[in-house]
C-alpha atoms as a PDB file:
ATOM      1  CA  UNK A   1      18.886   4.481 -16.787  1.00  0.00           C
ATOM      2  CA  UNK A   2      16.613   5.037 -19.792  1.00  0.00           C
ATOM      3  CA  UNK A   3      14.200   2.375 -18.553  1.00  0.00           C
ATOM      4  CA  UNK A   4      14.074   3.906 -15.060  1.00  0.00           C
ATOM      5  CA  UNK A   5      13.516   7.355 -16.547  1.00  0.00           C
ATOM      6  CA  UNK A   6      10.698   5.981 -18.717  1.00  0.00           C
ATOM      7  CA  UNK A   7       9.136   4.368 -15.630  1.00  0.00           C
ATOM      8  CA  UNK A   8       9.124   7.653 -13.739  1.00  0.00           C
ATOM      9  CA  UNK A   9       7.767   9.587 -16.710  1.00  0.00           C
ATOM     10  CA  UNK A  10       5.055   7.073 -17.613  1.00  0.00           C
ATOM     11  CA  UNK A  11       3.745   6.491 -14.142  1.00  0.00           C
ATOM     12  CA  UNK A  12       4.260   9.821 -12.418  1.00  0.00           C
ATOM     13  CA  UNK A  13       4.143  12.522 -15.034  1.00  0.00           C
ATOM     14  CA  UNK A  14       1.878  10.960 -17.637  1.00  0.00           C
ATOM     15  CA  UNK A  15      -0.539   8.835 -15.641  1.00  0.00           C
ATOM     16  CA  UNK A  16      -0.542  10.647 -12.298  1.00  0.00           C
ATOM     17  CA  UNK A  17      -0.419  14.271 -13.483  1.00  0.00           C
ATOM     18  CA  UNK A  18      -2.071  13.813 -16.855  1.00  0.00           C
ATOM     19  CA  UNK A  19      -4.862  11.448 -15.903  1.00  0.00           C
ATOM     20  CA  UNK A  20      -5.338  10.761 -12.190  1.00  0.00           C
ATOM     21  CA  UNK A  21      -5.196  14.355 -10.953  1.00  0.00           C
ATOM     22  CA  UNK A  22      -7.374  15.602 -13.808  1.00  0.00           C
ATOM     23  CA  UNK A  23      -9.951  12.932 -13.049  1.00  0.00           C
ATOM     24  CA  UNK A  24     -10.597  14.574  -9.675  1.00  0.00           C
ATOM     25  CA  UNK A  25     -11.570  17.809 -11.401  1.00  0.00           C
ATOM     26  CA  UNK A  26     -13.630  15.997 -14.047  1.00  0.00           C
ATOM     27  CA  UNK A  27     -15.635  14.017 -11.486  1.00  0.00           C
ATOM     28  CA  UNK A  28     -16.168  17.134  -9.402  1.00  0.00           C
ATOM     29  CA  UNK A  29     -17.375  19.113 -12.415  1.00  0.00           C
ATOM     30  CA  UNK A  30     -19.810  16.386 -13.496  1.00  0.00           C
ATOM     31  CA  UNK A  31     -21.172  15.945  -9.976  1.00  0.00           C
ATOM     32  CA  UNK A  32     -21.488  19.589  -8.976  1.00  0.00           C
ATOM     33  CA  UNK A  33     -22.226  21.605 -12.101  1.00  0.00           C
ATOM     34  CA  UNK A  34     -25.558  21.430 -13.946  1.00  0.00           C
ATOM     35  CA  UNK A  35     -25.439  20.531 -17.636  1.00  0.00           C
ATOM     36  CA  UNK A  36     -26.254  24.090 -18.684  1.00  0.00           C
ATOM     37  CA  UNK A  37     -23.533  25.663 -16.525  1.00  0.00           C
ATOM     38  CA  UNK A  38     -21.133  27.735 -18.679  1.00  0.00           C
ATOM     39  CA  UNK A  39     -18.049  26.415 -16.898  1.00  0.00           C
ATOM     40  CA  UNK A  40     -19.048  22.811 -17.555  1.00  0.00           C
ATOM     41  CA  UNK A  41     -19.651  23.652 -21.204  1.00  0.00           C
ATOM     42  CA  UNK A  42     -16.139  25.129 -21.417  1.00  0.00           C
ATOM     43  CA  UNK A  43     -14.557  22.139 -19.662  1.00  0.00           C
ATOM     44  CA  UNK A  44     -16.595  19.454 -21.439  1.00  0.00           C
ATOM     45  CA  UNK A  45     -14.361  19.000 -24.518  1.00  0.00           C
ATOM     46  CA  UNK A  46     -11.302  18.703 -22.281  1.00  0.00           C
ATOM     47  CA  UNK A  47     -12.655  16.322 -19.645  1.00  0.00           C
ATOM     48  CA  UNK A  48     -15.131  14.132 -21.509  1.00  0.00           C
ATOM     49  CA  UNK A  49     -12.731  11.240 -22.078  1.00  0.00           C
ATOM     50  CA  UNK A  50     -10.762  11.332 -18.827  1.00  0.00           C
ATOM     51  CA  UNK A  51     -12.999   9.106 -16.707  1.00  0.00           C
ATOM     52  CA  UNK A  52     -13.462   6.173 -19.156  1.00  0.00           C
ATOM     53  CA  UNK A  53      -9.768   6.188 -20.072  1.00  0.00           C
ATOM     54  CA  UNK A  54      -8.785   6.128 -16.393  1.00  0.00           C
ATOM     55  CA  UNK A  55     -11.212   3.302 -15.612  1.00  0.00           C
ATOM     56  CA  UNK A  56      -9.633   1.224 -18.361  1.00  0.00           C
ATOM     57  CA  UNK A  57      -6.103   2.186 -17.267  1.00  0.00           C
ATOM     58  CA  UNK A  58      -6.824   1.158 -13.675  1.00  0.00           C
ATOM     59  CA  UNK A  59      -8.252  -2.174 -14.772  1.00  0.00           C
ATOM     60  CA  UNK A  60      -5.414  -3.041 -17.164  1.00  0.00           C
ATOM     61  CA  UNK A  61      -2.299  -0.944 -16.569  1.00  0.00           C
ATOM     62  CA  UNK A  62      -2.139  -0.430 -12.817  1.00  0.00           C
ATOM     63  CA  UNK A  63      -4.199  -3.412 -11.679  1.00  0.00           C
ATOM     64  CA  UNK A  64      -2.265  -5.222  -8.889  1.00  0.00           C
ATOM     65  CA  UNK A  65      -3.180  -8.663 -10.289  1.00  0.00           C
ATOM     66  CA  UNK A  66      -2.044  -7.990 -13.852  1.00  0.00           C
ATOM     67  CA  UNK A  67       0.054  -4.871 -13.868  1.00  0.00           C
ATOM     68  CA  UNK A  68       1.142  -3.955 -17.387  1.00  0.00           C
ATOM     69  CA  UNK A  69       3.414  -1.205 -16.042  1.00  0.00           C
ATOM     70  CA  UNK A  70       5.267  -3.757 -13.944  1.00  0.00           C
ATOM     71  CA  UNK A  71       5.530  -6.149 -16.891  1.00  0.00           C
ATOM     72  CA  UNK A  72       6.534  -3.774 -19.676  1.00  0.00           C
ATOM     73  CA  UNK A  73       8.446  -1.159 -17.728  1.00  0.00           C
ATOM     74  CA  UNK A  74      10.255  -3.604 -15.429  1.00  0.00           C
ATOM     75  CA  UNK A  75       9.139  -1.788 -12.303  1.00  0.00           C
ATOM     76  CA  UNK A  76       8.061  -5.017 -10.650  1.00  0.00           C
ATOM     77  CA  UNK A  77       7.013  -4.709  -7.031  1.00  0.00           C
ATOM     78  CA  UNK A  78       8.534  -1.214  -6.826  1.00  0.00           C
ATOM     79  CA  UNK A  79       5.729   0.293  -8.886  1.00  0.00           C
ATOM     80  CA  UNK A  80       3.698   1.386  -5.864  1.00  0.00           C
ATOM     81  CA  UNK A  81       6.805   2.727  -4.117  1.00  0.00           C
ATOM     82  CA  UNK A  82       7.681   4.905  -7.130  1.00  0.00           C
ATOM     83  CA  UNK A  83       4.127   6.230  -7.300  1.00  0.00           C
ATOM     84  CA  UNK A  84       3.910   6.916  -3.543  1.00  0.00           C
ATOM     85  CA  UNK A  85       7.280   8.674  -3.465  1.00  0.00           C
ATOM     86  CA  UNK A  86       6.168  10.995  -6.266  1.00  0.00           C
ATOM     87  CA  UNK A  87       2.919  11.975  -4.565  1.00  0.00           C
ATOM     88  CA  UNK A  88       4.667  12.721  -1.284  1.00  0.00           C
ATOM     89  CA  UNK A  89       6.473  15.558  -3.093  1.00  0.00           C
ATOM     90  CA  UNK A  90       3.627  16.928  -5.222  1.00  0.00           C
ATOM     91  CA  UNK A  91       1.897  20.052  -3.953  1.00  0.00           C
ATOM     92  CA  UNK A  92      -0.825  22.272  -5.322  1.00  0.00           C
ATOM     93  CA  UNK A  93       1.870  24.736  -6.414  1.00  0.00           C
ATOM     94  CA  UNK A  94       3.210  22.095  -8.833  1.00  0.00           C
ATOM     95  CA  UNK A  95      -0.102  22.235 -10.709  1.00  0.00           C
ATOM     96  CA  UNK A  96       0.063  25.981 -11.316  1.00  0.00           C
ATOM     97  CA  UNK A  97       1.663  26.615 -14.694  1.00  0.00           C
ATOM     98  CA  UNK A  98       3.490  29.917 -13.950  1.00  0.00           C
ATOM     99  CA  UNK A  99       5.119  28.488 -10.805  1.00  0.00           C
ATOM    100  CA  UNK A 100       5.937  25.224 -12.587  1.00  0.00           C
ATOM    101  CA  UNK A 101       7.595  27.078 -15.468  1.00  0.00           C
ATOM    102  CA  UNK A 102       9.637  29.201 -13.036  1.00  0.00           C
ATOM    103  CA  UNK A 103      10.623  26.160 -10.935  1.00  0.00           C
ATOM    104  CA  UNK A 104      11.942  24.382 -14.032  1.00  0.00           C
ATOM    105  CA  UNK A 105      13.778  27.522 -15.201  1.00  0.00           C
ATOM    106  CA  UNK A 106      12.229  27.774 -18.661  1.00  0.00           C
ATOM    107  CA  UNK A 107      10.606  31.200 -18.348  1.00  0.00           C
ATOM    108  CA  UNK A 108      13.241  32.778 -20.603  1.00  0.00           C
ATOM    109  CA  UNK A 109      13.154  30.121 -23.349  1.00  0.00           C
ATOM    110  CA  UNK A 110      11.909  31.754 -26.545  1.00  0.00           C
ATOM    111  CA  UNK A 111       8.719  30.274 -27.985  1.00  0.00           C
ATOM    112  CA  UNK A 112       8.244  27.813 -25.124  1.00  0.00           C
ATOM    113  CA  UNK A 113       4.974  26.100 -26.052  1.00  0.00           C
ATOM    114  CA  UNK A 114       3.510  25.529 -22.580  1.00  0.00           C
ATOM    115  CA  UNK A 115       4.175  29.048 -21.331  1.00  0.00           C
ATOM    116  CA  UNK A 116       3.183  31.235 -24.295  1.00  0.00           C
END
């Protein structure tokens, strides 16, 4: 069970939500905002490393020919199925922090780091 839970966390929550989804916003910001735009200057420290890290992750970790996730996390051929099943459930509302906190039921937890 711990290995399966680690697979789901590593692939879906860490890679997909932490890297892949954020890359969409980073690429869009770099392509559409001029260098002097105040929004790009605010986002720059947060998005500057996303694209190179994701390029390396796609070439090494989730590459179909040499998939490190499949090797180290024992996901095998089910890796793509796990990833696809996760993204069938994800909606834009899942990316909004107040709704995510309420959905997980942690709005009343004192000192909750990601809400306060």
